[in-house]
């Protein structure tokens, strides 16, 4: 499945004449083209689809969307379970009733 996922802009730069940035999706950093939102700033949230920032989003809406995607398991499907993979490689076990890095 390919989702339009909210993420937080953590870095903006120009690359080969194109406005690019690093966007944080709950601990997973991805390269994103920011050309469609020329006034987007570091610290703001955006909806990203297939590597392009398409719309600015307020933090509350972004958190609500991310929580819903997490609940549905859609983030793990889209990005993989980065925290769980790292913990398993380190020999740790996930505490009951929690997701990696998220208390329930």
PDB file of N, CA and C in Angstrom:
ATOM      1  N   UNK A   1       0.847  -1.166   0.000  1.00  0.00           N
ATOM      2  CA  UNK A   1       0.000   0.000   0.000  1.00  0.00           C
ATOM      3  C   UNK A   1       0.896   1.234   0.000  1.00  0.00           C
ATOM      4  N   UNK A   2       0.457   2.265  -0.647  1.00  0.00           N
ATOM      5  CA  UNK A   2       1.205   3.514  -0.683  1.00  0.00           C
ATOM      6  C   UNK A   2       0.337   4.597  -0.043  1.00  0.00           C
ATOM      7  N   UNK A   3       0.816   5.140   1.063  1.00  0.00           N
ATOM      8  CA  UNK A   3       0.050   6.120   1.830  1.00  0.00           C
ATOM      9  C   UNK A   3       0.582   7.528   1.639  1.00  0.00           C
ATOM     10  N   UNK A   4      -0.261   8.502   1.887  1.00  0.00           N
ATOM     11  CA  UNK A   4       0.178   9.882   2.068  1.00  0.00           C
ATOM     12  C   UNK A   4       0.335  10.042   3.571  1.00  0.00           C
ATOM     13  N   UNK A   5       1.578  10.131   4.035  1.00  0.00           N
ATOM     14  CA  UNK A   5       1.885  10.058   5.462  1.00  0.00           C
ATOM     15  C   UNK A   5       2.384  11.409   5.963  1.00  0.00           C
ATOM     16  N   UNK A   6       1.913  11.861   7.138  1.00  0.00           N
ATOM     17  CA  UNK A   6       2.435  13.100   7.705  1.00  0.00           C
ATOM     18  C   UNK A   6       3.812  12.890   8.318  1.00  0.00           C
ATOM     19  N   UNK A   7       4.661  13.881   8.144  1.00  0.00           N
ATOM     20  CA  UNK A   7       5.994  13.847   8.728  1.00  0.00           C
ATOM     21  C   UNK A   7       6.445  15.249   9.073  1.00  0.00           C
ATOM     22  N   UNK A   8       7.472  15.336   9.925  1.00  0.00           N
ATOM     23  CA  UNK A   8       8.002  16.625  10.377  1.00  0.00           C
ATOM     24  C   UNK A   8       9.288  16.937   9.615  1.00  0.00           C
ATOM     25  N   UNK A   9       9.348  18.129   9.053  1.00  0.00           N
ATOM     26  CA  UNK A   9      10.534  18.565   8.308  1.00  0.00           C
ATOM     27  C   UNK A   9      11.647  18.863   9.311  1.00  0.00           C
ATOM     28  N   UNK A  10      12.796  18.197   9.148  1.00  0.00           N
ATOM     29  CA  UNK A  10      13.915  18.400  10.068  1.00  0.00           C
ATOM     30  C   UNK A  10      15.106  19.074   9.397  1.00  0.00           C
ATOM     31  N   UNK A  11      15.103  19.121   8.075  1.00  0.00           N
ATOM     32  CA  UNK A  11      16.214  19.761   7.349  1.00  0.00           C
ATOM     33  C   UNK A  11      15.724  20.161   5.961  1.00  0.00           C
ATOM     34  N   UNK A  12      16.190  21.319   5.492  1.00  0.00           N
ATOM     35  CA  UNK A  12      15.871  21.783   4.142  1.00  0.00           C
ATOM     36  C   UNK A  12      17.175  22.206   3.476  1.00  0.00           C
ATOM     37  N   UNK A  13      17.323  21.836   2.205  1.00  0.00           N
ATOM     38  CA  UNK A  13      18.506  22.221   1.436  1.00  0.00           C
ATOM     39  C   UNK A  13      18.155  22.221  -0.049  1.00  0.00           C
ATOM     40  N   UNK A  14      19.047  22.760  -0.844  1.00  0.00           N
ATOM     41  CA  UNK A  14      18.882  22.713  -2.284  1.00  0.00           C
ATOM     42  C   UNK A  14      19.826  21.651  -2.834  1.00  0.00           C
ATOM     43  N   UNK A  15      19.303  20.831  -3.721  1.00  0.00           N
ATOM     44  CA  UNK A  15      20.100  19.761  -4.315  1.00  0.00           C
ATOM     45  C   UNK A  15      19.869  19.786  -5.821  1.00  0.00           C
ATOM     46  N   UNK A  16      20.901  20.131  -6.564  1.00  0.00           N
ATOM     47  CA  UNK A  16      20.808  20.207  -8.026  1.00  0.00           C
ATOM     48  C   UNK A  16      19.662  21.106  -8.481  1.00  0.00           C
ATOM     49  N   UNK A  17      19.483  22.223  -7.788  1.00  0.00           N
ATOM     50  CA  UNK A  17      18.451  23.187  -8.146  1.00  0.00           C
ATOM     51  C   UNK A  17      17.050  22.824  -7.672  1.00  0.00           C
ATOM     52  N   UNK A  18      16.934  21.782  -6.878  1.00  0.00           N
ATOM     53  CA  UNK A  18      15.637  21.334  -6.379  1.00  0.00           C
ATOM     54  C   UNK A  18      15.601  21.453  -4.867  1.00  0.00           C
ATOM     55  N   UNK A  19      14.521  21.993  -4.341  1.00  0.00           N
ATOM     56  CA  UNK A  19      14.349  22.135  -2.879  1.00  0.00           C
ATOM     57  C   UNK A  19      14.012  20.766  -2.296  1.00  0.00           C
ATOM     58  N   UNK A  20      14.921  20.250  -1.479  1.00  0.00           N
ATOM     59  CA  UNK A  20      14.786  18.920  -0.883  1.00  0.00           C
ATOM     60  C   UNK A  20      14.861  19.040   0.627  1.00  0.00           C
ATOM     61  N   UNK A  21      14.457  17.991   1.318  1.00  0.00           N
ATOM     62  CA  UNK A  21      14.540  17.999   2.767  1.00  0.00           C
ATOM     63  C   UNK A  21      14.534  16.610   3.345  1.00  0.00           C
ATOM     64  N   UNK A  22      14.889  16.548   4.617  1.00  0.00           N
ATOM     65  CA  UNK A  22      14.763  15.324   5.407  1.00  0.00           C
ATOM     66  C   UNK A  22      13.469  15.473   6.200  1.00  0.00           C
ATOM     67  N   UNK A  23      12.639  14.441   6.138  1.00  0.00           N
ATOM     68  CA  UNK A  23      11.374  14.449   6.868  1.00  0.00           C
ATOM     69  C   UNK A  23      11.363  13.248   7.801  1.00  0.00           C
ATOM     70  N   UNK A  24      10.957  13.497   9.041  1.00  0.00           N
ATOM     71  CA  UNK A  24      10.932  12.475  10.083  1.00  0.00           C
ATOM     72  C   UNK A  24       9.524  11.898  10.197  1.00  0.00           C
ATOM     73  N   UNK A  25       9.417  10.594   9.954  1.00  0.00           N
ATOM     74  CA  UNK A  25       8.154   9.871  10.079  1.00  0.00           C
ATOM     75  C   UNK A  25       8.255   8.972  11.300  1.00  0.00           C
ATOM     76  N   UNK A  26       8.123   9.546  12.484  1.00  0.00           N
ATOM     77  CA  UNK A  26       8.173   8.763  13.712  1.00  0.00           C
ATOM     78  C   UNK A  26       9.490   8.041  13.919  1.00  0.00           C
ATOM     79  N   UNK A  27      10.582   8.685  13.569  1.00  0.00           N
ATOM     80  CA  UNK A  27      11.905   8.089  13.755  1.00  0.00           C
ATOM     81  C   UNK A  27      12.530   7.564  12.476  1.00  0.00           C
ATOM     82  N   UNK A  28      11.770   7.480  11.414  1.00  0.00           N
ATOM     83  CA  UNK A  28      12.296   7.056  10.118  1.00  0.00           C
ATOM     84  C   UNK A  28      12.487   8.321   9.278  1.00  0.00           C
ATOM     85  N   UNK A  29      13.737   8.599   8.876  1.00  0.00           N
ATOM     86  CA  UNK A  29      14.034   9.782   8.070  1.00  0.00           C
ATOM     87  C   UNK A  29      14.040   9.413   6.596  1.00  0.00           C
ATOM     88  N   UNK A  30      13.378  10.248   5.798  1.00  0.00           N
ATOM     89  CA  UNK A  30      13.316  10.033   4.350  1.00  0.00           C
ATOM     90  C   UNK A  30      13.632  11.324   3.630  1.00  0.00           C
ATOM     91  N   UNK A  31      14.250  11.185   2.454  1.00  0.00           N
ATOM     92  CA  UNK A  31      14.473  12.318   1.560  1.00  0.00           C
ATOM     93  C   UNK A  31      13.153  12.647   0.867  1.00  0.00           C
ATOM     94  N   UNK A  32      12.799  13.938   0.853  1.00  0.00           N
ATOM     95  CA  UNK A  32      11.527  14.354   0.280  1.00  0.00           C
ATOM     96  C   UNK A  32      11.744  15.593  -0.573  1.00  0.00           C
ATOM     97  N   UNK A  33      11.076  15.644  -1.719  1.00  0.00           N
ATOM     98  CA  UNK A  33      11.088  16.839  -2.559  1.00  0.00           C
ATOM     99  C   UNK A  33      10.087  17.841  -1.987  1.00  0.00           C
ATOM    100  N   UNK A  34      10.551  19.069  -1.769  1.00  0.00           N
ATOM    101  CA  UNK A  34       9.715  20.115  -1.170  1.00  0.00           C
ATOM    102  C   UNK A  34       9.287  21.186  -2.170  1.00  0.00           C
ATOM    103  N   UNK A  35       9.486  20.950  -3.447  1.00  0.00           N
ATOM    104  CA  UNK A  35       9.214  21.952  -4.481  1.00  0.00           C
ATOM    105  C   UNK A  35       7.767  22.432  -4.501  1.00  0.00           C
ATOM    106  N   UNK A  36       6.824  21.572  -4.191  1.00  0.00           N
ATOM    107  CA  UNK A  36       5.409  21.963  -4.239  1.00  0.00           C
ATOM    108  C   UNK A  36       5.009  22.881  -3.089  1.00  0.00           C
ATOM    109  N   UNK A  37       5.850  22.965  -2.053  1.00  0.00           N
ATOM    110  CA  UNK A  37       5.574  23.821  -0.889  1.00  0.00           C
ATOM    111  C   UNK A  37       6.782  24.721  -0.634  1.00  0.00           C
ATOM    112  N   UNK A  38       6.969  25.742  -1.454  1.00  0.00           N
ATOM    113  CA  UNK A  38       8.183  26.551  -1.378  1.00  0.00           C
ATOM    114  C   UNK A  38       8.369  27.318  -0.071  1.00  0.00           C
ATOM    115  N   UNK A  39       7.296  27.530   0.705  1.00  0.00           N
ATOM    116  CA  UNK A  39       7.433  28.269   1.964  1.00  0.00           C
ATOM    117  C   UNK A  39       7.422  27.357   3.189  1.00  0.00           C
ATOM    118  N   UNK A  40       7.447  26.045   3.007  1.00  0.00           N
ATOM    119  CA  UNK A  40       7.499  25.098   4.118  1.00  0.00           C
ATOM    120  C   UNK A  40       8.806  25.277   4.881  1.00  0.00           C
ATOM    121  N   UNK A  41       8.736  25.259   6.216  1.00  0.00           N
ATOM    122  CA  UNK A  41       9.900  25.524   7.062  1.00  0.00           C
ATOM    123  C   UNK A  41      10.238  24.313   7.936  1.00  0.00           C
ATOM    124  N   UNK A  42      11.486  24.279   8.401  1.00  0.00           N
ATOM    125  CA  UNK A  42      11.919  23.251   9.353  1.00  0.00           C
ATOM    126  C   UNK A  42      11.016  23.341  10.584  1.00  0.00           C
ATOM    127  N   UNK A  43      10.576  22.181  11.075  1.00  0.00           N
ATOM    128  CA  UNK A  43       9.700  22.124  12.235  1.00  0.00           C
ATOM    129  C   UNK A  43       8.236  21.993  11.885  1.00  0.00           C
ATOM    130  N   UNK A  44       7.863  22.278  10.633  1.00  0.00           N
ATOM    131  CA  UNK A  44       6.468  22.147  10.208  1.00  0.00           C
ATOM    132  C   UNK A  44       6.206  20.718   9.738  1.00  0.00           C
ATOM    133  N   UNK A  45       4.929  20.367   9.705  1.00  0.00           N
ATOM    134  CA  UNK A  45       4.502  19.045   9.257  1.00  0.00           C
ATOM    135  C   UNK A  45       3.957  19.131   7.845  1.00  0.00           C
ATOM    136  N   UNK A  46       4.128  18.048   7.113  1.00  0.00           N
ATOM    137  CA  UNK A  46       3.638  17.978   5.746  1.00  0.00           C
ATOM    138  C   UNK A  46       3.126  16.574   5.458  1.00  0.00           C
ATOM    139  N   UNK A  47       2.216  16.489   4.509  1.00  0.00           N
ATOM    140  CA  UNK A  47       1.755  15.199   3.997  1.00  0.00           C
ATOM    141  C   UNK A  47       2.676  14.842   2.835  1.00  0.00           C
ATOM    142  N   UNK A  48       3.224  13.626   2.871  1.00  0.00           N
ATOM    143  CA  UNK A  48       4.162  13.179   1.832  1.00  0.00           C
ATOM    144  C   UNK A  48       3.582  11.960   1.132  1.00  0.00           C
ATOM    145  N   UNK A  49       3.635  12.003  -0.188  1.00  0.00           N
ATOM    146  CA  UNK A  49       3.207  10.864  -1.007  1.00  0.00           C
ATOM    147  C   UNK A  49       4.250  10.635  -2.094  1.00  0.00           C
ATOM    148  N   UNK A  50       4.688   9.412  -2.210  1.00  0.00           N
ATOM    149  CA  UNK A  50       5.723   8.977  -3.164  1.00  0.00           C
ATOM    150  C   UNK A  50       6.912   9.944  -3.247  1.00  0.00           C
ATOM    151  N   UNK A  51       7.337  10.427  -2.080  1.00  0.00           N
ATOM    152  CA  UNK A  51       8.534  11.253  -2.013  1.00  0.00           C
ATOM    153  C   UNK A  51       8.342  12.734  -2.239  1.00  0.00           C
ATOM    154  N   UNK A  52       7.098  13.191  -2.339  1.00  0.00           N
ATOM    155  CA  UNK A  52       6.813  14.603  -2.566  1.00  0.00           C
ATOM    156  C   UNK A  52       5.951  15.153  -1.434  1.00  0.00           C
ATOM    157  N   UNK A  53       6.366  16.289  -0.867  1.00  0.00           N
ATOM    158  CA  UNK A  53       5.558  16.999   0.119  1.00  0.00           C
ATOM    159  C   UNK A  53       4.427  17.686  -0.628  1.00  0.00           C
ATOM    160  N   UNK A  54       3.191  17.366  -0.259  1.00  0.00           N
ATOM    161  CA  UNK A  54       2.041  17.858  -1.019  1.00  0.00           C
ATOM    162  C   UNK A  54       1.221  18.916  -0.304  1.00  0.00           C
ATOM    163  N   UNK A  55       1.247  18.907   1.027  1.00  0.00           N
ATOM    164  CA  UNK A  55       0.378  19.817   1.782  1.00  0.00           C
ATOM    165  C   UNK A  55       0.956  20.052   3.165  1.00  0.00           C
ATOM    166  N   UNK A  56       0.851  21.284   3.654  1.00  0.00           N
ATOM    167  CA  UNK A  56       1.232  21.605   5.030  1.00  0.00           C
ATOM    168  C   UNK A  56       0.137  21.085   5.948  1.00  0.00           C
ATOM    169  N   UNK A  57       0.553  20.674   7.158  1.00  0.00           N
ATOM    170  CA  UNK A  57      -0.385  20.091   8.107  1.00  0.00           C
ATOM    171  C   UNK A  57      -0.032  20.601   9.495  1.00  0.00           C
ATOM    172  N   UNK A  58      -1.051  20.904  10.312  1.00  0.00           N
ATOM    173  CA  UNK A  58      -0.761  21.327  11.681  1.00  0.00           C
ATOM    174  C   UNK A  58      -0.355  20.099  12.499  1.00  0.00           C
ATOM    175  N   UNK A  59       0.358  20.333  13.600  1.00  0.00           N
ATOM    176  CA  UNK A  59       0.916  19.246  14.406  1.00  0.00           C
ATOM    177  C   UNK A  59      -0.168  18.328  14.964  1.00  0.00           C
ATOM    178  N   UNK A  60      -1.266  18.894  15.438  1.00  0.00           N
ATOM    179  CA  UNK A  60      -2.333  18.078  16.020  1.00  0.00           C
ATOM    180  C   UNK A  60      -2.899  17.090  14.987  1.00  0.00           C
ATOM    181  N   UNK A  61      -3.161  17.577  13.789  1.00  0.00           N
ATOM    182  CA  UNK A  61      -3.679  16.697  12.726  1.00  0.00           C
ATOM    183  C   UNK A  61      -2.661  15.633  12.351  1.00  0.00           C
ATOM    184  N   UNK A  62      -1.387  16.019  12.305  1.00  0.00           N
ATOM    185  CA  UNK A  62      -0.331  15.054  11.982  1.00  0.00           C
ATOM    186  C   UNK A  62      -0.266  13.948  13.024  1.00  0.00           C
ATOM    187  N   UNK A  63      -0.341  14.319  14.310  1.00  0.00           N
ATOM    188  CA  UNK A  63      -0.269  13.327  15.383  1.00  0.00           C
ATOM    189  C   UNK A  63      -1.482  12.397  15.362  1.00  0.00           C
ATOM    190  N   UNK A  64      -2.659  12.954  15.080  1.00  0.00           N
ATOM    191  CA  UNK A  64      -3.871  12.135  14.998  1.00  0.00           C
ATOM    192  C   UNK A  64      -3.756  11.123  13.850  1.00  0.00           C
ATOM    193  N   UNK A  65      -3.281  11.583  12.707  1.00  0.00           N
ATOM    194  CA  UNK A  65      -3.123  10.695  11.551  1.00  0.00           C
ATOM    195  C   UNK A  65      -2.099   9.605  11.834  1.00  0.00           C
ATOM    196  N   UNK A  66      -0.964   9.984  12.420  1.00  0.00           N
ATOM    197  CA  UNK A  66       0.070   8.997  12.727  1.00  0.00           C
ATOM    198  C   UNK A  66      -0.429   7.959  13.728  1.00  0.00           C
ATOM    199  N   UNK A  67      -1.186   8.406  14.721  1.00  0.00           N
ATOM    200  CA  UNK A  67      -1.735   7.472  15.712  1.00  0.00           C
ATOM    201  C   UNK A  67      -2.689   6.482  15.040  1.00  0.00           C
ATOM    202  N   UNK A  68      -3.518   6.965  14.143  1.00  0.00           N
ATOM    203  CA  UNK A  68      -4.441   6.083  13.430  1.00  0.00           C
ATOM    204  C   UNK A  68      -3.685   5.098  12.548  1.00  0.00           C
ATOM    205  N   UNK A  69      -2.688   5.581  11.804  1.00  0.00           N
ATOM    206  CA  UNK A  69      -1.886   4.692  10.950  1.00  0.00           C
ATOM    207  C   UNK A  69      -1.180   3.632  11.790  1.00  0.00           C
ATOM    208  N   UNK A  70      -0.645   4.044  12.954  1.00  0.00           N
ATOM    209  CA  UNK A  70       0.012   3.085  13.853  1.00  0.00           C
ATOM    210  C   UNK A  70      -0.966   2.010  14.302  1.00  0.00           C
ATOM    211  N   UNK A  71      -2.149   2.455  14.711  1.00  0.00           N
ATOM    212  CA  UNK A  71      -3.174   1.529  15.193  1.00  0.00           C
ATOM    213  C   UNK A  71      -3.552   0.526  14.109  1.00  0.00           C
ATOM    214  N   UNK A  72      -3.615   0.973  12.884  1.00  0.00           N
ATOM    215  CA  UNK A  72      -3.974   0.112  11.760  1.00  0.00           C
ATOM    216  C   UNK A  72      -2.799  -0.745  11.273  1.00  0.00           C
ATOM    217  N   UNK A  73      -1.591  -0.446  11.781  1.00  0.00           N
ATOM    218  CA  UNK A  73      -0.414  -1.179  11.338  1.00  0.00           C
ATOM    219  C   UNK A  73       0.131  -0.692  10.007  1.00  0.00           C
ATOM    220  N   UNK A  74      -0.396   0.433   9.526  1.00  0.00           N
ATOM    221  CA  UNK A  74      -0.012   0.925   8.209  1.00  0.00           C
ATOM    222  C   UNK A  74       1.410   1.483   8.176  1.00  0.00           C
ATOM    223  N   UNK A  75       1.898   2.040   9.287  1.00  0.00           N
ATOM    224  CA  UNK A  75       3.255   2.584   9.289  1.00  0.00           C
ATOM    225  C   UNK A  75       4.289   1.473   9.181  1.00  0.00           C
ATOM    226  N   UNK A  76       4.059   0.368   9.880  1.00  0.00           N
ATOM    227  CA  UNK A  76       4.991  -0.747   9.798  1.00  0.00           C
ATOM    228  C   UNK A  76       5.007  -1.311   8.385  1.00  0.00           C
ATOM    229  N   UNK A  77       3.824  -1.352   7.746  1.00  0.00           N
ATOM    230  CA  UNK A  77       3.735  -1.843   6.377  1.00  0.00           C
ATOM    231  C   UNK A  77       4.486  -0.927   5.422  1.00  0.00           C
ATOM    232  N   UNK A  78       4.369   0.384   5.644  1.00  0.00           N
ATOM    233  CA  UNK A  78       4.990   1.367   4.758  1.00  0.00           C
ATOM    234  C   UNK A  78       6.490   1.503   5.006  1.00  0.00           C
ATOM    235  N   UNK A  79       6.896   1.558   6.294  1.00  0.00           N
ATOM    236  CA  UNK A  79       8.278   1.856   6.641  1.00  0.00           C
ATOM    237  C   UNK A  79       9.023   0.704   7.286  1.00  0.00           C
ATOM    238  N   UNK A  80       8.320  -0.320   7.747  1.00  0.00           N
ATOM    239  CA  UNK A  80       8.961  -1.388   8.501  1.00  0.00           C
ATOM    240  C   UNK A  80       8.998  -1.015   9.977  1.00  0.00           C
ATOM    241  N   UNK A  81       9.257  -1.990  10.798  1.00  0.00           N
ATOM    242  CA  UNK A  81       9.312  -1.776  12.241  1.00  0.00           C
ATOM    243  C   UNK A  81      10.763  -1.500  12.631  1.00  0.00           C
ATOM    244  N   UNK A  82      11.221  -0.263  12.451  1.00  0.00           N
ATOM    245  CA  UNK A  82      12.619   0.097  12.689  1.00  0.00           C
ATOM    246  C   UNK A  82      13.047  -0.126  14.125  1.00  0.00           C
ATOM    247  N   UNK A  83      12.199   0.274  15.083  1.00  0.00           N
ATOM    248  CA  UNK A  83      12.563   0.123  16.488  1.00  0.00           C
ATOM    249  C   UNK A  83      12.589  -1.352  16.875  1.00  0.00           C
ATOM    250  N   UNK A  84      11.595  -2.074  16.448  1.00  0.00           N
ATOM    251  CA  UNK A  84      11.526  -3.499  16.763  1.00  0.00           C
ATOM    252  C   UNK A  84      12.686  -4.264  16.162  1.00  0.00           C
ATOM    253  N   UNK A  85      13.039  -3.962  14.940  1.00  0.00           N
ATOM    254  CA  UNK A  85      14.159  -4.621  14.282  1.00  0.00           C
ATOM    255  C   UNK A  85      15.453  -4.354  15.047  1.00  0.00           C
ATOM    256  N   UNK A  86      15.691  -3.106  15.415  1.00  0.00           N
ATOM    257  CA  UNK A  86      16.915  -2.757  16.146  1.00  0.00           C
ATOM    258  C   UNK A  86      16.958  -3.462  17.499  1.00  0.00           C
ATOM    259  N   UNK A  87      15.814  -3.490  18.191  1.00  0.00           N
ATOM    260  CA  UNK A  87      15.775  -4.135  19.504  1.00  0.00           C
ATOM    261  C   UNK A  87      15.998  -5.638  19.377  1.00  0.00           C
ATOM    262  N   UNK A  88      15.387  -6.258  18.383  1.00  0.00           N
ATOM    263  CA  UNK A  88      15.573  -7.699  18.194  1.00  0.00           C
ATOM    264  C   UNK A  88      17.029  -8.009  17.878  1.00  0.00           C
ATOM    265  N   UNK A  89      17.658  -7.162  17.067  1.00  0.00           N
ATOM    266  CA  UNK A  89      19.069  -7.374  16.743  1.00  0.00           C
ATOM    267  C   UNK A  89      19.936  -7.224  17.984  1.00  0.00           C
ATOM    268  N   UNK A  90      19.502  -6.402  18.935  1.00  0.00           N
ATOM    269  CA  UNK A  90      20.245  -6.198  20.180  1.00  0.00           C
ATOM    270  C   UNK A  90      19.859  -7.228  21.239  1.00  0.00           C
ATOM    271  N   UNK A  91      18.916  -8.113  20.926  1.00  0.00           N
ATOM    272  CA  UNK A  91      18.508  -9.156  21.853  1.00  0.00           C
ATOM    273  C   UNK A  91      17.494  -8.721  22.884  1.00  0.00           C
ATOM    274  N   UNK A  92      16.866  -7.561  22.687  1.00  0.00           N
ATOM    275  CA  UNK A  92      15.866  -7.078  23.632  1.00  0.00           C
ATOM    276  C   UNK A  92      14.495  -7.619  23.250  1.00  0.00           C
ATOM    277  N   UNK A  93      13.606  -7.615  24.229  1.00  0.00           N
ATOM    278  CA  UNK A  93      12.219  -8.009  23.994  1.00  0.00           C
ATOM    279  C   UNK A  93      11.317  -6.806  24.180  1.00  0.00           C
ATOM    280  N   UNK A  94      10.248  -6.759  23.424  1.00  0.00           N
ATOM    281  CA  UNK A  94       9.284  -5.670  23.528  1.00  0.00           C
ATOM    282  C   UNK A  94       8.434  -5.883  24.772  1.00  0.00           C
ATOM    283  N   UNK A  95       8.299  -4.848  25.619  1.00  0.00           N
ATOM    284  CA  UNK A  95       7.455  -4.969  26.819  1.00  0.00           C
ATOM    285  C   UNK A  95       5.996  -5.207  26.426  1.00  0.00           C
ATOM    286  N   UNK A  96       5.272  -6.021  27.197  1.00  0.00           N
ATOM    287  CA  UNK A  96       3.861  -6.261  26.880  1.00  0.00           C
ATOM    288  C   UNK A  96       3.060  -4.955  26.872  1.00  0.00           C
ATOM    289  N   UNK A  97       2.136  -4.838  25.944  1.00  0.00           N
ATOM    290  CA  UNK A  97       1.258  -3.666  25.869  1.00  0.00           C
ATOM    291  C   UNK A  97       1.912  -2.433  25.313  1.00  0.00           C
ATOM    292  N   UNK A  98       3.078  -2.569  24.658  1.00  0.00           N
ATOM    293  CA  UNK A  98       3.724  -1.402  24.073  1.00  0.00           C
ATOM    294  C   UNK A  98       4.108  -1.690  22.635  1.00  0.00           C
ATOM    295  N   UNK A  99       4.256  -0.612  21.882  1.00  0.00           N
ATOM    296  CA  UNK A  99       4.919  -0.676  20.592  1.00  0.00           C
ATOM    297  C   UNK A  99       6.303  -0.120  20.846  1.00  0.00           C
ATOM    298  N   UNK A 100       7.240  -0.363  19.976  1.00  0.00           N
ATOM    299  CA  UNK A 100       8.582   0.152  20.189  1.00  0.00           C
ATOM    300  C   UNK A 100       8.550   1.656  20.276  1.00  0.00           C
ATOM    301  N   UNK A 101       8.997   2.192  21.394  1.00  0.00           N
ATOM    302  CA  UNK A 101       9.069   3.636  21.588  1.00  0.00           C
ATOM    303  C   UNK A 101       7.743   4.302  21.884  1.00  0.00           C
ATOM    304  N   UNK A 102       6.661   3.515  22.014  1.00  0.00           N
ATOM    305  CA  UNK A 102       5.341   4.104  22.250  1.00  0.00           C
ATOM    306  C   UNK A 102       4.690   3.383  23.414  1.00  0.00           C
ATOM    307  N   UNK A 103       4.399   4.095  24.484  1.00  0.00           N
ATOM    308  CA  UNK A 103       3.681   3.520  25.623  1.00  0.00           C
ATOM    309  C   UNK A 103       2.198   3.518  25.315  1.00  0.00           C
ATOM    310  N   UNK A 104       1.516   2.474  25.712  1.00  0.00           N
ATOM    311  CA  UNK A 104       0.056   2.438  25.527  1.00  0.00           C
ATOM    312  C   UNK A 104      -0.639   2.657  26.830  1.00  0.00           C
TER     313      UNK A 104
END
